[in-house]
Amino acid sequence: MLYRILHTVLPPALRAIWRPTIEGVDHVPLTGGVLLASNHLSFADSVVIPSVAPRDVVFLAKSDYFTGTGVRGALQRAWFEGLGMIPVDRDDSRAAIESLGTALEVLRAGKAFGVYPEGTRSRDGRLYRGRTGVAQLALQSGAPIVPVGLVGTEKLQPVGSNRPRLAKVTVRFGEPLEVAGRYDGVAPGRARREITDEVMRRIAGLTGQEVVPSYNPRS
């Protein structure tokens, strides 16, 4: 119930406040499982994308956001649960593996799942090498990958800030990348790497970010 209320009220309210520029929204399939693979500049990204996407989007979120105490903790937990986010312990390797299973369930249920191939926020605004989980999910589920380019969200909530601000934001949805059947006979590791690199090239084309050939250090 809370999820439906928030998703009915929040997106139009946030769009009215932030007034983002939205491009390529017609590239997002309206039905069926789909991965929205985005660059990651701000804590606010997981609110911005669901606010402008033409359908509900599920994201994973740090389990810390669901374990707070007192009134503030309860409100924070309700907020994240209401947005449809799923908690994951980033410091537990077993939990991280299980989270991929959760993502597959979301995709196989015909829903949209949001993922940040960089793994964590870019603190310097550059685009880091993608981790291959996005490709693994696409290969296992058969879901297409829609690259998403975010521009300006780092100004909505700068690193170290706990309050959102007004800023000019642009969200660009690229053409879907279909992987089903394209990598039959290709070694799994090679397929995952090639798909992920293609996704990151498409994201870079949407954002114009400087590309870094190394992984983003975890923050």
C-alpha atoms as a PDB file:
ATOM      1  CA  MET A   1       0.000   0.000   0.000  1.00  0.00           C
ATOM      2  CA  LEU A   2       2.770   2.459   0.975  1.00  0.00           C
ATOM      3  CA  TYR A   3       4.670   1.541  -2.198  1.00  0.00           C
ATOM      4  CA  ARG A   4       1.670   2.338  -4.381  1.00  0.00           C
ATOM      5  CA  ILE A   5       0.953   5.609  -2.562  1.00  0.00           C
ATOM      6  CA  LEU A   6       4.550   6.800  -2.900  1.00  0.00           C
ATOM      7  CA  HIS A   7       4.744   5.802  -6.550  1.00  0.00           C
ATOM      8  CA  THR A   8       1.505   7.639  -7.257  1.00  0.00           C
ATOM      9  CA  VAL A   9       2.472  10.839  -5.438  1.00  0.00           C
ATOM     10  CA  LEU A  10       6.274  11.114  -5.557  1.00  0.00           C
ATOM     11  CA  PRO A  11       7.161  10.974  -9.278  1.00  0.00           C
ATOM     12  CA  PRO A  12       4.951  13.890 -10.397  1.00  0.00           C
ATOM     13  CA  ALA A  13       5.876  15.870  -7.272  1.00  0.00           C
ATOM     14  CA  LEU A  14       9.613  15.380  -7.798  1.00  0.00           C
ATOM     15  CA  ARG A  15       9.355  16.140 -11.515  1.00  0.00           C
ATOM     16  CA  ALA A  16       7.532  19.363 -10.663  1.00  0.00           C
ATOM     17  CA  ILE A  17      10.248  20.355  -8.178  1.00  0.00           C
ATOM     18  CA  TRP A  18      13.360  19.292 -10.107  1.00  0.00           C
ATOM     19  CA  ARG A  19      11.933  19.753 -13.623  1.00  0.00           C
ATOM     20  CA  PRO A  20      14.425  17.355 -15.183  1.00  0.00           C
ATOM     21  CA  THR A  21      15.110  17.099 -18.895  1.00  0.00           C
ATOM     22  CA  ILE A  22      14.088  13.594 -20.013  1.00  0.00           C
ATOM     23  CA  GLU A  23      15.220  12.104 -23.313  1.00  0.00           C
ATOM     24  CA  GLY A  24      14.611   8.757 -24.988  1.00  0.00           C
ATOM     25  CA  VAL A  25      11.962   7.546 -22.570  1.00  0.00           C
ATOM     26  CA  ASP A  26      10.324   5.656 -25.453  1.00  0.00           C
ATOM     27  CA  HIS A  27      13.341   3.320 -25.429  1.00  0.00           C
ATOM     28  CA  VAL A  28      12.137   1.753 -22.178  1.00  0.00           C
ATOM     29  CA  PRO A  29       9.877  -1.266 -22.855  1.00  0.00           C
ATOM     30  CA  LEU A  30       6.578  -0.841 -21.042  1.00  0.00           C
ATOM     31  CA  THR A  31       6.195  -4.550 -20.303  1.00  0.00           C
ATOM     32  CA  GLY A  32       8.455  -7.489 -19.534  1.00  0.00           C
ATOM     33  CA  GLY A  33      11.685  -7.763 -17.620  1.00  0.00           C
ATOM     34  CA  VAL A  34      14.235  -5.055 -18.399  1.00  0.00           C
ATOM     35  CA  LEU A  35      17.507  -3.860 -16.887  1.00  0.00           C
ATOM     36  CA  LEU A  36      18.092  -0.122 -16.563  1.00  0.00           C
ATOM     37  CA  ALA A  37      21.888   0.229 -16.363  1.00  0.00           C
ATOM     38  CA  SER A  38      22.974   3.701 -15.284  1.00  0.00           C
ATOM     39  CA  ASN A  39      26.017   5.706 -14.336  1.00  0.00           C
ATOM     40  CA  HIS A  40      26.042   6.611 -10.647  1.00  0.00           C
ATOM     41  CA  LEU A  41      26.776  10.130  -9.431  1.00  0.00           C
ATOM     42  CA  SER A  42      24.582  10.651  -6.378  1.00  0.00           C
ATOM     43  CA  PHE A  43      22.571   9.036  -3.625  1.00  0.00           C
ATOM     44  CA  ALA A  44      19.594  10.696  -5.333  1.00  0.00           C
ATOM     45  CA  ASP A  45      19.993   8.604  -8.516  1.00  0.00           C
ATOM     46  CA  SER A  46      17.791   5.804  -7.193  1.00  0.00           C
ATOM     47  CA  VAL A  47      15.017   8.344  -6.672  1.00  0.00           C
ATOM     48  CA  VAL A  48      15.513  10.259  -9.917  1.00  0.00           C
ATOM     49  CA  ILE A  49      15.328   7.249 -12.245  1.00  0.00           C
ATOM     50  CA  PRO A  50      12.052   5.813 -10.839  1.00  0.00           C
ATOM     51  CA  SER A  51      10.617   9.338 -10.911  1.00  0.00           C
ATOM     52  CA  VAL A  52      11.098   9.721 -14.660  1.00  0.00           C
ATOM     53  CA  ALA A  53      10.900   6.126 -15.943  1.00  0.00           C
ATOM     54  CA  PRO A  54       7.603   5.144 -17.587  1.00  0.00           C
ATOM     55  CA  ARG A  55       7.234   2.156 -15.237  1.00  0.00           C
ATOM     56  CA  ASP A  56       8.133   1.091 -11.700  1.00  0.00           C
ATOM     57  CA  VAL A  57      11.828   0.351 -11.152  1.00  0.00           C
ATOM     58  CA  VAL A  58      13.281  -1.835  -8.398  1.00  0.00           C
ATOM     59  CA  PHE A  59      16.744  -1.071  -6.986  1.00  0.00           C
ATOM     60  CA  LEU A  60      18.992  -2.712  -4.418  1.00  0.00           C
ATOM     61  CA  ALA A  61      19.976  -0.488  -1.497  1.00  0.00           C
ATOM     62  CA  LYS A  62      22.512  -0.788   1.306  1.00  0.00           C
ATOM     63  CA  SER A  63      21.048  -2.724   4.232  1.00  0.00           C
ATOM     64  CA  ASP A  64      22.188   0.099   6.536  1.00  0.00           C
ATOM     65  CA  TYR A  65      19.282   2.173   5.234  1.00  0.00           C
ATOM     66  CA  PHE A  66      16.817  -0.365   6.656  1.00  0.00           C
ATOM     67  CA  THR A  67      18.318  -0.881  10.122  1.00  0.00           C
ATOM     68  CA  GLY A  68      18.078   2.542  11.731  1.00  0.00           C
ATOM     69  CA  THR A  69      16.467   2.915  15.141  1.00  0.00           C
ATOM     70  CA  GLY A  70      13.979   5.329  16.605  1.00  0.00           C
ATOM     71  CA  VAL A  71      11.581   7.537  14.685  1.00  0.00           C
ATOM     72  CA  ARG A  72      14.172   8.561  12.117  1.00  0.00           C
ATOM     73  CA  GLY A  73      15.141   4.955  11.434  1.00  0.00           C
ATOM     74  CA  ALA A  74      11.504   3.929  11.053  1.00  0.00           C
ATOM     75  CA  LEU A  75      10.796   6.780   8.643  1.00  0.00           C
ATOM     76  CA  GLN A  76      13.906   6.012   6.604  1.00  0.00           C
ATOM     77  CA  ARG A  77      13.001   2.326   6.437  1.00  0.00           C
ATOM     78  CA  ALA A  78       9.456   3.144   5.356  1.00  0.00           C
ATOM     79  CA  TRP A  79      10.792   5.507   2.694  1.00  0.00           C
ATOM     80  CA  PHE A  80      13.074   2.912   1.097  1.00  0.00           C
ATOM     81  CA  GLU A  81      10.561   0.096   1.378  1.00  0.00           C
ATOM     82  CA  GLY A  82       7.908   2.366  -0.082  1.00  0.00           C
ATOM     83  CA  LEU A  83      10.123   3.077  -3.090  1.00  0.00           C
ATOM     84  CA  GLY A  84      10.376  -0.656  -3.709  1.00  0.00           C
ATOM     85  CA  MET A  85      14.057  -0.933  -2.810  1.00  0.00           C
ATOM     86  CA  ILE A  86      15.538  -4.242  -1.674  1.00  0.00           C
ATOM     87  CA  PRO A  87      18.190  -4.300   1.108  1.00  0.00           C
ATOM     88  CA  VAL A  88      21.576  -5.933   0.502  1.00  0.00           C
ATOM     89  CA  ASP A  89      24.645  -6.180   2.743  1.00  0.00           C
ATOM     90  CA  ARG A  90      27.554  -5.037   0.573  1.00  0.00           C
ATOM     91  CA  ASP A  91      30.080  -6.385   3.072  1.00  0.00           C
ATOM     92  CA  ASP A  92      28.678  -9.922   2.982  1.00  0.00           C
ATOM     93  CA  SER A  93      29.816 -11.791  -0.131  1.00  0.00           C
ATOM     94  CA  ARG A  94      27.093 -14.419   0.307  1.00  0.00           C
ATOM     95  CA  ALA A  95      24.427 -11.726   0.542  1.00  0.00           C
ATOM     96  CA  ALA A  96      25.785 -10.071  -2.589  1.00  0.00           C
ATOM     97  CA  ILE A  97      25.477 -13.359  -4.498  1.00  0.00           C
ATOM     98  CA  GLU A  98      21.962 -13.862  -3.154  1.00  0.00           C
ATOM     99  CA  SER A  99      21.067 -10.361  -4.333  1.00  0.00           C
ATOM    100  CA  LEU A 100      21.689 -11.494  -7.915  1.00  0.00           C
ATOM    101  CA  GLY A 101      19.103 -14.209  -7.340  1.00  0.00           C
ATOM    102  CA  THR A 102      16.698 -11.575  -6.065  1.00  0.00           C
ATOM    103  CA  ALA A 103      17.329  -9.465  -9.163  1.00  0.00           C
ATOM    104  CA  LEU A 104      16.633 -12.471 -11.395  1.00  0.00           C
ATOM    105  CA  GLU A 105      13.314 -13.031  -9.627  1.00  0.00           C
ATOM    106  CA  VAL A 106      12.391  -9.401 -10.296  1.00  0.00           C
ATOM    107  CA  LEU A 107      13.279  -9.703 -13.987  1.00  0.00           C
ATOM    108  CA  ARG A 108      11.552 -13.061 -14.449  1.00  0.00           C
ATOM    109  CA  ALA A 109       8.440 -11.554 -12.883  1.00  0.00           C
ATOM    110  CA  GLY A 110       8.414  -9.110 -15.802  1.00  0.00           C
ATOM    111  CA  LYS A 111       9.575  -6.068 -13.832  1.00  0.00           C
ATOM    112  CA  ALA A 112      12.206  -3.381 -14.355  1.00  0.00           C
ATOM    113  CA  PHE A 113      15.407  -3.633 -12.328  1.00  0.00           C
ATOM    114  CA  GLY A 114      17.856  -0.774 -11.916  1.00  0.00           C
ATOM    115  CA  VAL A 115      21.581  -1.407 -11.635  1.00  0.00           C
ATOM    116  CA  TYR A 116      24.777   0.640 -11.440  1.00  0.00           C
ATOM    117  CA  PRO A 117      27.550  -1.302 -13.214  1.00  0.00           C
ATOM    118  CA  GLU A 118      30.184   0.931 -11.588  1.00  0.00           C
ATOM    119  CA  GLY A 119      29.154  -0.555  -8.256  1.00  0.00           C
ATOM    120  CA  THR A 120      29.188   2.670  -6.269  1.00  0.00           C
ATOM    121  CA  ARG A 121      29.005   6.419  -6.792  1.00  0.00           C
ATOM    122  CA  SER A 122      31.680   8.181  -8.801  1.00  0.00           C
ATOM    123  CA  ARG A 123      33.183  10.788  -6.497  1.00  0.00           C
ATOM    124  CA  ASP A 124      35.083  12.595  -9.254  1.00  0.00           C
ATOM    125  CA  GLY A 125      32.412  12.568 -11.967  1.00  0.00           C
ATOM    126  CA  ARG A 126      34.256  10.145 -14.241  1.00  0.00           C
ATOM    127  CA  LEU A 127      32.779   6.905 -15.584  1.00  0.00           C
ATOM    128  CA  TYR A 128      34.521   3.824 -14.225  1.00  0.00           C
ATOM    129  CA  ARG A 129      34.824   0.305 -15.618  1.00  0.00           C
ATOM    130  CA  GLY A 130      31.624  -1.695 -15.315  1.00  0.00           C
ATOM    131  CA  ARG A 131      31.302  -4.826 -13.220  1.00  0.00           C
ATOM    132  CA  THR A 132      29.813  -7.764 -15.062  1.00  0.00           C
ATOM    133  CA  GLY A 133      26.771  -8.473 -12.875  1.00  0.00           C
ATOM    134  CA  VAL A 134      24.550  -6.538 -15.292  1.00  0.00           C
ATOM    135  CA  ALA A 135      25.622  -8.818 -18.145  1.00  0.00           C
ATOM    136  CA  GLN A 136      25.121 -11.944 -16.060  1.00  0.00           C
ATOM    137  CA  LEU A 137      21.577 -10.877 -15.225  1.00  0.00           C
ATOM    138  CA  ALA A 138      20.811 -10.148 -18.882  1.00  0.00           C
ATOM    139  CA  LEU A 139      22.211 -13.470 -20.067  1.00  0.00           C
ATOM    140  CA  GLN A 140      20.365 -15.491 -17.429  1.00  0.00           C
ATOM    141  CA  SER A 141      17.039 -13.702 -17.735  1.00  0.00           C
ATOM    142  CA  GLY A 142      17.038 -12.806 -21.427  1.00  0.00           C
ATOM    143  CA  ALA A 143      16.035  -9.267 -20.459  1.00  0.00           C
ATOM    144  CA  PRO A 144      17.256  -6.359 -22.605  1.00  0.00           C
ATOM    145  CA  ILE A 145      19.543  -3.717 -21.108  1.00  0.00           C
ATOM    146  CA  VAL A 146      18.552  -0.062 -21.461  1.00  0.00           C
ATOM    147  CA  PRO A 147      21.547   2.225 -20.825  1.00  0.00           C
ATOM    148  CA  VAL A 148      20.720   5.305 -18.761  1.00  0.00           C
ATOM    149  CA  GLY A 149      22.803   8.468 -18.665  1.00  0.00           C
ATOM    150  CA  LEU A 150      22.417  10.815 -15.709  1.00  0.00           C
ATOM    151  CA  VAL A 151      23.796  14.339 -15.923  1.00  0.00           C
ATOM    152  CA  GLY A 152      23.792  16.776 -13.002  1.00  0.00           C
ATOM    153  CA  THR A 153      22.457  14.513 -10.235  1.00  0.00           C
ATOM    154  CA  GLU A 154      25.672  14.998  -8.252  1.00  0.00           C
ATOM    155  CA  LYS A 155      24.475  18.564  -7.670  1.00  0.00           C
ATOM    156  CA  LEU A 156      21.114  17.375  -6.309  1.00  0.00           C
ATOM    157  CA  GLN A 157      22.819  15.741  -3.352  1.00  0.00           C
ATOM    158  CA  PRO A 158      26.612  16.201  -3.313  1.00  0.00           C
ATOM    159  CA  VAL A 159      28.775  13.580  -1.607  1.00  0.00           C
ATOM    160  CA  GLY A 160      28.714  14.261   2.130  1.00  0.00           C
ATOM    161  CA  SER A 161      25.392  16.106   2.026  1.00  0.00           C
ATOM    162  CA  ASN A 162      22.244  14.671   3.590  1.00  0.00           C
ATOM    163  CA  ARG A 163      19.822  17.177   2.092  1.00  0.00           C
ATOM    164  CA  PRO A 164      18.659  17.374  -1.534  1.00  0.00           C
ATOM    165  CA  ARG A 165      19.059  20.623  -3.456  1.00  0.00           C
ATOM    166  CA  LEU A 166      17.601  22.092  -6.616  1.00  0.00           C
ATOM    167  CA  ALA A 167      19.747  21.484  -9.674  1.00  0.00           C
ATOM    168  CA  LYS A 168      19.453  21.082 -13.425  1.00  0.00           C
ATOM    169  CA  VAL A 169      19.248  17.350 -14.172  1.00  0.00           C
ATOM    170  CA  THR A 170      19.117  15.462 -17.451  1.00  0.00           C
ATOM    171  CA  VAL A 171      18.136  11.792 -17.775  1.00  0.00           C
ATOM    172  CA  ARG A 172      18.784  10.046 -21.086  1.00  0.00           C
ATOM    173  CA  PHE A 173      17.518   6.561 -21.930  1.00  0.00           C
ATOM    174  CA  GLY A 174      19.429   4.828 -24.735  1.00  0.00           C
ATOM    175  CA  GLU A 175      18.339   2.169 -27.181  1.00  0.00           C
ATOM    176  CA  PRO A 176      17.910  -1.296 -25.610  1.00  0.00           C
ATOM    177  CA  LEU A 177      20.768  -3.756 -25.945  1.00  0.00           C
ATOM    178  CA  GLU A 178      19.407  -7.217 -26.704  1.00  0.00           C
ATOM    179  CA  VAL A 179      21.713 -10.051 -25.629  1.00  0.00           C
ATOM    180  CA  ALA A 180      19.418 -13.085 -25.783  1.00  0.00           C
ATOM    181  CA  GLY A 181      20.854 -15.605 -28.239  1.00  0.00           C
ATOM    182  CA  ARG A 182      23.715 -13.357 -29.351  1.00  0.00           C
ATOM    183  CA  TYR A 183      26.382 -15.050 -27.271  1.00  0.00           C
ATOM    184  CA  ASP A 184      25.557 -18.713 -27.732  1.00  0.00           C
ATOM    185  CA  GLY A 185      28.822 -20.634 -27.857  1.00  0.00           C
ATOM    186  CA  VAL A 186      30.865 -17.734 -26.453  1.00  0.00           C
ATOM    187  CA  ALA A 187      32.808 -18.391 -23.244  1.00  0.00           C
ATOM    188  CA  PRO A 188      30.695 -17.030 -20.337  1.00  0.00           C
ATOM    189  CA  GLY A 189      33.428 -14.798 -18.949  1.00  0.00           C
ATOM    190  CA  ARG A 190      34.139 -13.274 -22.342  1.00  0.00           C
ATOM    191  CA  ALA A 191      30.433 -12.747 -23.028  1.00  0.00           C
ATOM    192  CA  ARG A 192      29.908 -10.972 -19.703  1.00  0.00           C
ATOM    193  CA  ARG A 193      32.895  -8.712 -20.277  1.00  0.00           C
ATOM    194  CA  GLU A 194      31.942  -7.810 -23.856  1.00  0.00           C
ATOM    195  CA  ILE A 195      28.342  -7.022 -22.909  1.00  0.00           C
ATOM    196  CA  THR A 196      29.357  -4.920 -19.931  1.00  0.00           C
ATOM    197  CA  ASP A 197      31.920  -2.949 -21.927  1.00  0.00           C
ATOM    198  CA  GLU A 198      29.292  -2.244 -24.594  1.00  0.00           C
ATOM    199  CA  VAL A 199      26.849  -1.042 -21.929  1.00  0.00           C
ATOM    200  CA  MET A 200      29.479   1.314 -20.491  1.00  0.00           C
ATOM    201  CA  ARG A 201      30.310   2.673 -23.972  1.00  0.00           C
ATOM    202  CA  ARG A 202      26.639   3.429 -24.502  1.00  0.00           C
ATOM    203  CA  ILE A 203      26.352   5.133 -21.106  1.00  0.00           C
ATOM    204  CA  ALA A 204      29.434   7.236 -21.903  1.00  0.00           C
ATOM    205  CA  GLY A 205      27.800   8.243 -25.177  1.00  0.00           C
ATOM    206  CA  LEU A 206      24.769   9.467 -23.255  1.00  0.00           C
ATOM    207  CA  THR A 207      26.663  11.386 -20.563  1.00  0.00           C
ATOM    208  CA  GLY A 208      29.891  12.568 -22.200  1.00  0.00           C
ATOM    209  CA  GLN A 209      31.823  11.555 -19.077  1.00  0.00           C
ATOM    210  CA  GLU A 210      35.551  10.890 -19.109  1.00  0.00           C
ATOM    211  CA  VAL A 211      36.005   7.111 -19.131  1.00  0.00           C
ATOM    212  CA  VAL A 212      38.323   5.427 -16.608  1.00  0.00           C
ATOM    213  CA  PRO A 213      39.649   1.940 -17.501  1.00  0.00           C
ATOM    214  CA  SER A 214      39.832   0.865 -13.836  1.00  0.00           C
ATOM    215  CA  TYR A 215      37.160  -0.085 -11.304  1.00  0.00           C
ATOM    216  CA  ASN A 216      35.669   2.525  -9.016  1.00  0.00           C
ATOM    217  CA  PRO A 217      37.011   2.185  -5.442  1.00  0.00           C
ATOM    218  CA  ARG A 218      34.187   1.408  -3.039  1.00  0.00           C
ATOM    219  CA  SER A 219      33.109   4.380  -0.959  1.00  0.00           C
END
